Amino acid sequence: MNSSKWKFVGRQSDMSMNKLLRPLAVSLLLLLASFPLKAQSTNSSIPALQAVIVHASRFEEKNTDALPQTIIVSGEAILKSGAANVSEALSTLAGLPSRINLDGSTNAVIDMRGYGDAADNNLLVLLDGVRLSENEQTAARTSMIPIEAIDQIEITRGGNSVLFGDGATAGTINIVTKKRAGNRDVASAGVASYSGYQSSIFHSSQDDRNDWNLFVKQYSSHNYRNNSKVDDQSIGLNWVHHLDTKADVGLRVFSSREFNKLPGALPLAYLNSSPRSA
């Protein structure tokens, strides 16, 4: 009696489980069968992909999707502003706090997030993703970069040491040059007080497979203090050969020479009587 009773109950439970699993199995089959049809319908109407830009964060994103702490200054805006070098563009267009470099050069000290005398060691400056900042408490030498060759400057505030390593605690500045500058010849010159002058020549040409950029820059000034003369000369060549629509090879050569005279510190008694003394 007991064994037959338990056997009858077991059959009833099997039948109830079959009734529950049957509609579930049918729904799974219908769901799996709909996947190929849905994929086939979406593949036939894939829209054209939009262009993406690689920012200093090393992630592909559009300009409209950049984080609020990222500022992008276009090369066109730099040319319209009349800035003579990268330091002036960063100060006037991006609003970055800067101060005059004590070596008398045009490489201004960018003090992002208020690091003071240690600003150079906490801000990373890149040229097309290649580090320009030095590890000796000196400002990055951006004076050798011609503004005519700049496509955009990407400024990211905040710590980026996880992505770029040492020296990016305050943020990063990535200077992106133009891939195709077109056919252009630009010559400029200027004079300033204290026997200061600057001149530059920029030439670019392109054809179906090659791009050429050549520039020469010179800057000289005696500056306000005696024995504080600075001479800066730089020359650069950039060549890119387009193998196909997805692959390029190229060569970039930069040479820069900077000569500085340092006037030294003045005693407090000389600041009013002879402030230009060395």
C-alpha atoms as a PDB file:
ATOM      1  CA  MET A   1       0.000   0.000   0.000  1.00  0.00           C
ATOM      2  CA  ASN A   2       2.687   2.444   0.995  1.00  0.00           C
ATOM      3  CA  SER A   3       4.914   1.665  -1.980  1.00  0.00           C
ATOM      4  CA  SER A   4       2.107   1.977  -4.523  1.00  0.00           C
ATOM      5  CA  LYS A   5       1.002   5.223  -2.939  1.00  0.00           C
ATOM      6  CA  TRP A   6       4.437   6.772  -3.227  1.00  0.00           C
ATOM      7  CA  LYS A   7       4.750   5.562  -6.795  1.00  0.00           C
ATOM      8  CA  PHE A   8       1.443   7.148  -7.783  1.00  0.00           C
ATOM      9  CA  VAL A   9       2.440  10.475  -6.246  1.00  0.00           C
ATOM     10  CA  GLY A  10       5.758  10.389  -8.102  1.00  0.00           C
ATOM     11  CA  ARG A  11       3.987   9.969 -11.440  1.00  0.00           C
ATOM     12  CA  GLN A  12       1.706  12.889 -10.638  1.00  0.00           C
ATOM     13  CA  SER A  13       4.701  15.122  -9.905  1.00  0.00           C
ATOM     14  CA  ASP A  14       6.419  14.106 -13.172  1.00  0.00           C
ATOM     15  CA  MET A  15       3.314  14.995 -15.153  1.00  0.00           C
ATOM     16  CA  SER A  16       3.006  18.393 -13.453  1.00  0.00           C
ATOM     17  CA  MET A  17       6.689  19.177 -14.142  1.00  0.00           C
ATOM     18  CA  ASN A  18       6.269  18.272 -17.803  1.00  0.00           C
ATOM     19  CA  LYS A  19       3.339  20.652 -18.039  1.00  0.00           C
ATOM     20  CA  LEU A  20       5.453  23.455 -16.597  1.00  0.00           C
ATOM     21  CA  LEU A  21       8.576  22.829 -18.708  1.00  0.00           C
ATOM     22  CA  ARG A  22       6.770  22.370 -22.017  1.00  0.00           C
ATOM     23  CA  PRO A  23       5.708  26.024 -22.546  1.00  0.00           C
ATOM     24  CA  LEU A  24       9.149  27.182 -21.321  1.00  0.00           C
ATOM     25  CA  ALA A  25      10.919  25.022 -23.915  1.00  0.00           C
ATOM     26  CA  VAL A  26       8.638  26.285 -26.677  1.00  0.00           C
ATOM     27  CA  SER A  27       9.339  29.920 -25.746  1.00  0.00           C
ATOM     28  CA  LEU A  28      13.117  29.288 -25.751  1.00  0.00           C
ATOM     29  CA  LEU A  29      12.946  27.729 -29.219  1.00  0.00           C
ATOM     30  CA  LEU A  30      10.998  30.718 -30.541  1.00  0.00           C
ATOM     31  CA  LEU A  31      13.485  33.126 -28.975  1.00  0.00           C
ATOM     32  CA  LEU A  32      16.522  31.336 -30.466  1.00  0.00           C
ATOM     33  CA  ALA A  33      14.846  31.141 -33.846  1.00  0.00           C
ATOM     34  CA  SER A  34      14.291  34.897 -33.883  1.00  0.00           C
ATOM     35  CA  PHE A  35      18.016  35.768 -33.408  1.00  0.00           C
ATOM     36  CA  PRO A  36      19.267  35.056 -36.952  1.00  0.00           C
ATOM     37  CA  LEU A  37      16.346  36.948 -38.459  1.00  0.00           C
ATOM     38  CA  LYS A  38      16.969  39.967 -36.259  1.00  0.00           C
ATOM     39  CA  ALA A  39      20.696  39.985 -36.976  1.00  0.00           C
ATOM     40  CA  GLN A  40      20.050  39.670 -40.688  1.00  0.00           C
ATOM     41  CA  SER A  41      17.635  42.612 -40.625  1.00  0.00           C
ATOM     42  CA  THR A  42      20.029  44.870 -38.697  1.00  0.00           C
ATOM     43  CA  ASN A  43      23.050  44.039 -40.877  1.00  0.00           C
ATOM     44  CA  SER A  44      21.248  45.228 -43.963  1.00  0.00           C
ATOM     45  CA  SER A  45      20.679  48.718 -42.528  1.00  0.00           C
ATOM     46  CA  ILE A  46      23.970  49.554 -40.763  1.00  0.00           C
ATOM     47  CA  PRO A  47      24.539  53.347 -40.939  1.00  0.00           C
ATOM     48  CA  ALA A  48      27.837  54.869 -42.021  1.00  0.00           C
ATOM     49  CA  LEU A  49      30.350  55.145 -39.181  1.00  0.00           C
ATOM     50  CA  GLN A  50      31.149  58.655 -37.967  1.00  0.00           C
ATOM     51  CA  ALA A  51      34.676  59.902 -37.467  1.00  0.00           C
ATOM     52  CA  VAL A  52      36.188  59.546 -34.004  1.00  0.00           C
ATOM     53  CA  ILE A  53      39.096  61.451 -32.481  1.00  0.00           C
ATOM     54  CA  VAL A  54      41.688  60.005 -30.108  1.00  0.00           C
ATOM     55  CA  HIS A  55      42.044  62.413 -27.182  1.00  0.00           C
ATOM     56  CA  ALA A  56      44.678  62.701 -24.497  1.00  0.00           C
ATOM     57  CA  SER A  57      42.699  60.238 -22.375  1.00  0.00           C
ATOM     58  CA  ARG A  58      43.762  57.499 -24.853  1.00  0.00           C
ATOM     59  CA  PHE A  59      40.134  56.563 -25.471  1.00  0.00           C
ATOM     60  CA  GLU A  60      38.360  57.030 -28.798  1.00  0.00           C
ATOM     61  CA  GLU A  61      35.593  59.570 -28.388  1.00  0.00           C
ATOM     62  CA  LYS A  62      33.895  62.395 -30.234  1.00  0.00           C
ATOM     63  CA  ASN A  63      34.499  66.038 -29.407  1.00  0.00           C
ATOM     64  CA  THR A  64      30.922  66.339 -28.146  1.00  0.00           C
ATOM     65  CA  ASP A  65      31.437  63.399 -25.774  1.00  0.00           C
ATOM     66  CA  ALA A  66      34.613  64.720 -24.133  1.00  0.00           C
ATOM     67  CA  LEU A  67      34.602  65.016 -20.358  1.00  0.00           C
ATOM     68  CA  PRO A  68      33.944  68.459 -18.820  1.00  0.00           C
ATOM     69  CA  GLN A  69      37.564  68.753 -17.649  1.00  0.00           C
ATOM     70  CA  THR A  70      38.813  68.381 -21.242  1.00  0.00           C
ATOM     71  CA  ILE A  71      39.356  71.559 -23.280  1.00  0.00           C
ATOM     72  CA  ILE A  72      40.021  71.419 -27.024  1.00  0.00           C
ATOM     73  CA  VAL A  73      41.600  74.397 -28.790  1.00  0.00           C
ATOM     74  CA  SER A  74      41.478  74.145 -32.582  1.00  0.00           C
ATOM     75  CA  GLY A  75      44.355  75.134 -34.832  1.00  0.00           C
ATOM     76  CA  GLU A  76      42.103  77.571 -36.682  1.00  0.00           C
ATOM     77  CA  ALA A  77      41.359  79.423 -33.446  1.00  0.00           C
ATOM     78  CA  ILE A  78      45.090  79.633 -32.695  1.00  0.00           C
ATOM     79  CA  LEU A  79      45.842  81.208 -36.072  1.00  0.00           C
ATOM     80  CA  LYS A  80      42.990  83.715 -35.703  1.00  0.00           C
ATOM     81  CA  SER A  81      44.119  84.717 -32.211  1.00  0.00           C
ATOM     82  CA  GLY A  82      47.477  85.965 -33.461  1.00  0.00           C
ATOM     83  CA  ALA A  83      49.414  83.909 -30.914  1.00  0.00           C
ATOM     84  CA  ALA A  84      53.107  83.692 -31.782  1.00  0.00           C
ATOM     85  CA  ASN A  85      53.773  80.411 -29.958  1.00  0.00           C
ATOM     86  CA  VAL A  86      52.104  77.583 -28.078  1.00  0.00           C
ATOM     87  CA  SER A  87      52.531  79.231 -24.664  1.00  0.00           C
ATOM     88  CA  GLU A  88      50.566  82.298 -25.755  1.00  0.00           C
ATOM     89  CA  ALA A  89      47.811  80.107 -27.199  1.00  0.00           C
ATOM     90  CA  LEU A  90      47.483  78.147 -23.953  1.00  0.00           C
ATOM     91  CA  SER A  91      47.272  81.340 -21.910  1.00  0.00           C
ATOM     92  CA  THR A  92      44.901  83.390 -24.090  1.00  0.00           C
ATOM     93  CA  LEU A  93      42.615  80.741 -25.598  1.00  0.00           C
ATOM     94  CA  ALA A  94      42.586  78.000 -22.953  1.00  0.00           C
ATOM     95  CA  GLY A  95      42.802  80.349 -19.974  1.00  0.00           C
ATOM     96  CA  LEU A  96      45.594  78.375 -18.300  1.00  0.00           C
ATOM     97  CA  PRO A  97      47.527  80.268 -15.616  1.00  0.00           C
ATOM     98  CA  SER A  98      51.087  80.868 -16.727  1.00  0.00           C
ATOM     99  CA  ARG A  99      54.119  82.889 -15.714  1.00  0.00           C
ATOM    100  CA  ILE A 100      57.252  84.069 -17.492  1.00  0.00           C
ATOM    101  CA  ASN A 101      60.066  81.572 -17.594  1.00  0.00           C
ATOM    102  CA  LEU A 102      63.093  82.736 -15.606  1.00  0.00           C
ATOM    103  CA  ASP A 103      65.459  81.569 -18.369  1.00  0.00           C
ATOM    104  CA  GLY A 104      64.063  84.309 -20.639  1.00  0.00           C
ATOM    105  CA  SER A 105      62.690  81.950 -23.312  1.00  0.00           C
ATOM    106  CA  THR A 106      59.149  81.848 -24.693  1.00  0.00           C
ATOM    107  CA  ASN A 107      58.489  78.499 -22.986  1.00  0.00           C
ATOM    108  CA  ALA A 108      56.150  79.822 -20.303  1.00  0.00           C
ATOM    109  CA  VAL A 109      55.552  77.878 -17.099  1.00  0.00           C
ATOM    110  CA  ILE A 110      51.975  76.535 -17.071  1.00  0.00           C
ATOM    111  CA  ASP A 111      50.789  76.257 -13.487  1.00  0.00           C
ATOM    112  CA  MET A 112      47.716  74.052 -13.649  1.00  0.00           C
ATOM    113  CA  ARG A 113      45.952  73.421 -10.330  1.00  0.00           C
ATOM    114  CA  GLY A 114      48.344  75.661  -8.371  1.00  0.00           C
ATOM    115  CA  TYR A 115      51.511  73.618  -7.855  1.00  0.00           C
ATOM    116  CA  GLY A 116      53.716  76.738  -7.784  1.00  0.00           C
ATOM    117  CA  ASP A 117      57.428  76.052  -8.168  1.00  0.00           C
ATOM    118  CA  ALA A 118      56.706  72.342  -8.764  1.00  0.00           C
ATOM    119  CA  ALA A 119      54.293  73.024 -11.658  1.00  0.00           C
ATOM    120  CA  ASP A 120      56.704  71.736 -14.321  1.00  0.00           C
ATOM    121  CA  ASN A 121      57.057  68.383 -12.577  1.00  0.00           C
ATOM    122  CA  ASN A 122      53.294  67.851 -12.299  1.00  0.00           C
ATOM    123  CA  LEU A 123      52.133  68.801 -15.812  1.00  0.00           C
ATOM    124  CA  LEU A 124      52.774  66.526 -18.776  1.00  0.00           C
ATOM    125  CA  VAL A 125      53.112  68.052 -22.254  1.00  0.00           C
ATOM    126  CA  LEU A 126      52.859  65.711 -25.270  1.00  0.00           C
ATOM    127  CA  LEU A 127      53.424  66.141 -28.994  1.00  0.00           C
ATOM    128  CA  ASP A 128      51.194  63.667 -30.845  1.00  0.00           C
ATOM    129  CA  GLY A 129      51.279  61.468 -27.759  1.00  0.00           C
ATOM    130  CA  VAL A 130      55.092  61.657 -27.342  1.00  0.00           C
ATOM    131  CA  ARG A 131      56.383  63.134 -24.087  1.00  0.00           C
ATOM    132  CA  LEU A 132      58.030  66.561 -24.294  1.00  0.00           C
ATOM    133  CA  SER A 133      58.220  67.345 -20.582  1.00  0.00           C
ATOM    134  CA  GLU A 134      61.618  66.852 -18.973  1.00  0.00           C
ATOM    135  CA  ASN A 135      62.293  65.545 -15.479  1.00  0.00           C
ATOM    136  CA  GLU A 136      64.572  68.364 -14.348  1.00  0.00           C
ATOM    137  CA  GLN A 137      62.139  71.081 -13.215  1.00  0.00           C
ATOM    138  CA  THR A 138      62.183  72.888 -16.568  1.00  0.00           C
ATOM    139  CA  ALA A 139      59.246  73.867 -18.747  1.00  0.00           C
ATOM    140  CA  ALA A 140      58.496  71.784 -21.835  1.00  0.00           C
ATOM    141  CA  ARG A 141      60.132  73.305 -24.915  1.00  0.00           C
ATOM    142  CA  THR A 142      57.056  74.047 -26.998  1.00  0.00           C
ATOM    143  CA  SER A 143      58.711  77.003 -28.753  1.00  0.00           C
ATOM    144  CA  MET A 144      60.010  74.700 -31.488  1.00  0.00           C
ATOM    145  CA  ILE A 145      56.475  73.710 -32.604  1.00  0.00           C
ATOM    146  CA  PRO A 146      55.135  75.890 -35.446  1.00  0.00           C
ATOM    147  CA  ILE A 147      51.545  76.978 -34.819  1.00  0.00           C
ATOM    148  CA  GLU A 148      50.769  76.527 -38.551  1.00  0.00           C
ATOM    149  CA  ALA A 149      51.224  72.769 -38.146  1.00  0.00           C
ATOM    150  CA  ILE A 150      48.899  72.396 -35.125  1.00  0.00           C
ATOM    151  CA  ASP A 151      45.551  70.715 -35.713  1.00  0.00           C
ATOM    152  CA  GLN A 152      44.329  71.043 -32.121  1.00  0.00           C
ATOM    153  CA  ILE A 153      45.523  71.181 -28.521  1.00  0.00           C
ATOM    154  CA  GLU A 154      43.843  68.842 -26.043  1.00  0.00           C
ATOM    155  CA  ILE A 155      43.986  69.924 -22.399  1.00  0.00           C
ATOM    156  CA  THR A 156      42.848  67.521 -19.689  1.00  0.00           C
ATOM    157  CA  ARG A 157      42.697  68.777 -16.109  1.00  0.00           C
ATOM    158  CA  GLY A 158      43.154  66.339 -13.275  1.00  0.00           C
ATOM    159  CA  GLY A 159      45.439  63.431 -12.509  1.00  0.00           C
ATOM    160  CA  ASN A 160      46.410  61.241 -15.465  1.00  0.00           C
ATOM    161  CA  SER A 161      49.309  59.348 -13.923  1.00  0.00           C
ATOM    162  CA  VAL A 162      47.502  56.030 -14.390  1.00  0.00           C
ATOM    163  CA  LEU A 163      47.581  56.493 -18.170  1.00  0.00           C
ATOM    164  CA  PHE A 164      50.810  58.446 -18.667  1.00  0.00           C
ATOM    165  CA  GLY A 165      52.999  57.712 -15.662  1.00  0.00           C
ATOM    166  CA  ASP A 166      55.065  60.198 -13.704  1.00  0.00           C
ATOM    167  CA  GLY A 167      54.533  63.932 -14.106  1.00  0.00           C
ATOM    168  CA  ALA A 168      50.811  64.000 -14.954  1.00  0.00           C
ATOM    169  CA  THR A 169      49.356  64.767 -11.521  1.00  0.00           C
ATOM    170  CA  ALA A 170      47.990  68.186 -12.518  1.00  0.00           C
ATOM    171  CA  GLY A 171      46.910  67.159 -16.020  1.00  0.00           C
ATOM    172  CA  THR A 172      48.089  66.703 -19.593  1.00  0.00           C
ATOM    173  CA  ILE A 173      48.459  68.897 -22.673  1.00  0.00           C
ATOM    174  CA  ASN A 174      48.532  66.974 -25.946  1.00  0.00           C
ATOM    175  CA  ILE A 175      49.526  68.974 -29.047  1.00  0.00           C
ATOM    176  CA  VAL A 176      48.173  67.242 -32.161  1.00  0.00           C
ATOM    177  CA  THR A 177      49.705  68.200 -35.503  1.00  0.00           C
ATOM    178  CA  LYS A 178      47.911  68.152 -38.826  1.00  0.00           C
ATOM    179  CA  LYS A 179      48.030  64.962 -40.855  1.00  0.00           C
ATOM    180  CA  ARG A 180      47.518  66.812 -44.123  1.00  0.00           C
ATOM    181  CA  ALA A 181      48.463  70.493 -43.993  1.00  0.00           C
ATOM    182  CA  GLY A 182      47.894  71.084 -47.697  1.00  0.00           C
ATOM    183  CA  ASN A 183      49.997  73.342 -49.901  1.00  0.00           C
ATOM    184  CA  ARG A 184      50.963  76.352 -47.842  1.00  0.00           C
ATOM    185  CA  ASP A 185      53.830  78.814 -47.404  1.00  0.00           C
ATOM    186  CA  VAL A 186      53.870  81.108 -44.352  1.00  0.00           C
ATOM    187  CA  ALA A 187      56.561  83.611 -43.358  1.00  0.00           C
ATOM    188  CA  SER A 188      56.341  85.830 -40.294  1.00  0.00           C
ATOM    189  CA  ALA A 189      58.589  88.236 -38.411  1.00  0.00           C
ATOM    190  CA  GLY A 190      58.329  90.546 -35.420  1.00  0.00           C
ATOM    191  CA  VAL A 191      60.326  92.920 -33.239  1.00  0.00           C
ATOM    192  CA  ALA A 192      60.052  93.729 -29.550  1.00  0.00           C
ATOM    193  CA  SER A 193      61.679  95.859 -26.899  1.00  0.00           C
ATOM    194  CA  TYR A 194      65.107  95.068 -25.454  1.00  0.00           C
ATOM    195  CA  SER A 195      66.484  94.090 -28.885  1.00  0.00           C
ATOM    196  CA  GLY A 196      63.982  91.300 -29.298  1.00  0.00           C
ATOM    197  CA  TYR A 197      63.009  89.812 -32.644  1.00  0.00           C
ATOM    198  CA  GLN A 198      61.557  86.611 -34.019  1.00  0.00           C
ATOM    199  CA  SER A 199      61.110  85.085 -37.475  1.00  0.00           C
ATOM    200  CA  SER A 200      59.693  81.862 -38.847  1.00  0.00           C
ATOM    201  CA  ILE A 201      59.159  80.114 -42.185  1.00  0.00           C
ATOM    202  CA  PHE A 202      56.708  77.253 -42.673  1.00  0.00           C
ATOM    203  CA  HIS A 203      56.301  75.256 -45.893  1.00  0.00           C
ATOM    204  CA  SER A 204      53.966  72.344 -46.553  1.00  0.00           C
ATOM    205  CA  SER A 205      53.107  70.428 -49.709  1.00  0.00           C
ATOM    206  CA  GLN A 206      51.192  67.280 -50.511  1.00  0.00           C
ATOM    207  CA  ASP A 207      50.246  64.967 -53.334  1.00  0.00           C
ATOM    208  CA  ASP A 208      48.218  61.778 -53.537  1.00  0.00           C
ATOM    209  CA  ARG A 209      50.695  59.701 -51.513  1.00  0.00           C
ATOM    210  CA  ASN A 210      53.030  62.080 -49.647  1.00  0.00           C
ATOM    211  CA  ASP A 211      52.918  64.994 -47.205  1.00  0.00           C
ATOM    212  CA  TRP A 212      55.876  67.281 -46.500  1.00  0.00           C
ATOM    213  CA  ASN A 213      56.286  69.886 -43.735  1.00  0.00           C
ATOM    214  CA  LEU A 214      59.381  72.018 -43.227  1.00  0.00           C
ATOM    215  CA  PHE A 215      59.826  74.875 -40.774  1.00  0.00           C
ATOM    216  CA  VAL A 216      62.564  77.140 -39.430  1.00  0.00           C
ATOM    217  CA  LYS A 217      62.149  79.383 -36.364  1.00  0.00           C
ATOM    218  CA  GLN A 218      64.401  81.887 -34.592  1.00  0.00           C
ATOM    219  CA  TYR A 219      63.935  84.004 -31.478  1.00  0.00           C
ATOM    220  CA  SER A 220      66.352  86.361 -29.751  1.00  0.00           C
ATOM    221  CA  SER A 221      66.038  88.928 -26.960  1.00  0.00           C
ATOM    222  CA  HIS A 222      68.288  90.714 -24.456  1.00  0.00           C
ATOM    223  CA  ASN A 223      65.354  90.805 -21.993  1.00  0.00           C
ATOM    224  CA  TYR A 224      64.864  93.300 -19.187  1.00  0.00           C
ATOM    225  CA  ARG A 225      67.746  92.247 -16.927  1.00  0.00           C
ATOM    226  CA  ASN A 226      71.374  92.609 -17.874  1.00  0.00           C
ATOM    227  CA  ASN A 227      73.175  89.391 -18.785  1.00  0.00           C
ATOM    228  CA  SER A 228      69.846  87.692 -19.585  1.00  0.00           C
ATOM    229  CA  LYS A 229      70.088  87.301 -23.350  1.00  0.00           C
ATOM    230  CA  VAL A 230      68.368  84.322 -24.953  1.00  0.00           C
ATOM    231  CA  ASP A 231      68.805  82.819 -28.433  1.00  0.00           C
ATOM    232  CA  ASP A 232      66.552  80.053 -29.694  1.00  0.00           C
ATOM    233  CA  GLN A 233      66.755  78.377 -33.107  1.00  0.00           C
ATOM    234  CA  SER A 234      64.802  75.348 -34.258  1.00  0.00           C
ATOM    235  CA  ILE A 235      64.271  73.463 -37.493  1.00  0.00           C
ATOM    236  CA  GLY A 236      62.017  70.537 -38.282  1.00  0.00           C
ATOM    237  CA  LEU A 237      61.026  68.181 -41.078  1.00  0.00           C
ATOM    238  CA  ASN A 238      57.967  65.948 -41.238  1.00  0.00           C
ATOM    239  CA  TRP A 239      57.281  63.434 -44.021  1.00  0.00           C
ATOM    240  CA  VAL A 240      54.314  61.045 -44.238  1.00  0.00           C
ATOM    241  CA  HIS A 241      53.767  58.447 -46.972  1.00  0.00           C
ATOM    242  CA  HIS A 242      50.261  57.009 -47.303  1.00  0.00           C
ATOM    243  CA  LEU A 243      50.438  53.317 -48.141  1.00  0.00           C
ATOM    244  CA  ASP A 244      46.657  52.971 -48.292  1.00  0.00           C
ATOM    245  CA  THR A 245      43.598  54.360 -46.542  1.00  0.00           C
ATOM    246  CA  LYS A 246      44.521  52.678 -43.250  1.00  0.00           C
ATOM    247  CA  ALA A 247      48.329  52.580 -43.109  1.00  0.00           C
ATOM    248  CA  ASP A 248      50.943  55.361 -43.108  1.00  0.00           C
ATOM    249  CA  VAL A 249      54.695  55.496 -42.686  1.00  0.00           C
ATOM    250  CA  GLY A 250      56.688  58.606 -42.010  1.00  0.00           C
ATOM    251  CA  LEU A 251      59.702  60.391 -40.614  1.00  0.00           C
ATOM    252  CA  ARG A 252      59.879  63.311 -38.194  1.00  0.00           C
ATOM    253  CA  VAL A 253      63.090  65.177 -37.329  1.00  0.00           C
ATOM    254  CA  PHE A 254      63.350  68.083 -34.880  1.00  0.00           C
ATOM    255  CA  SER A 255      66.450  70.008 -33.930  1.00  0.00           C
ATOM    256  CA  SER A 256      66.389  72.842 -31.395  1.00  0.00           C
ATOM    257  CA  ARG A 257      69.138  74.909 -29.798  1.00  0.00           C
ATOM    258  CA  GLU A 258      68.604  77.285 -26.908  1.00  0.00           C
ATOM    259  CA  PHE A 259      71.248  79.537 -25.346  1.00  0.00           C
ATOM    260  CA  ASN A 260      70.468  81.412 -22.132  1.00  0.00           C
ATOM    261  CA  LYS A 261      72.280  83.813 -19.844  1.00  0.00           C
ATOM    262  CA  LEU A 262      71.003  83.978 -16.282  1.00  0.00           C
ATOM    263  CA  PRO A 263      71.313  87.326 -14.462  1.00  0.00           C
ATOM    264  CA  GLY A 264      71.012  85.814 -10.978  1.00  0.00           C
ATOM    265  CA  ALA A 265      69.168  87.055  -7.917  1.00  0.00           C
ATOM    266  CA  LEU A 266      69.334  90.684  -6.750  1.00  0.00           C
ATOM    267  CA  PRO A 267      69.745  91.892  -3.164  1.00  0.00           C
ATOM    268  CA  LEU A 268      66.815  93.864  -1.832  1.00  0.00           C
ATOM    269  CA  ALA A 269      68.832  97.100  -1.855  1.00  0.00           C
ATOM    270  CA  TYR A 270      69.265  96.941  -5.647  1.00  0.00           C
ATOM    271  CA  LEU A 271      65.596  96.430  -6.535  1.00  0.00           C
ATOM    272  CA  ASN A 272      64.771 100.138  -6.314  1.00  0.00           C
ATOM    273  CA  SER A 273      68.076 101.700  -7.331  1.00  0.00           C
ATOM    274  CA  SER A 274      69.151  99.397 -10.184  1.00  0.00           C
ATOM    275  CA  PRO A 275      66.560  96.680 -10.915  1.00  0.00           C
ATOM    276  CA  ARG A 276      68.128  95.715 -14.260  1.00  0.00           C
ATOM    277  CA  SER A 277      71.502  94.861 -12.792  1.00  0.00           C
ATOM    278  CA  ALA A 278      72.864  91.328 -12.999  1.00  0.00           C
END
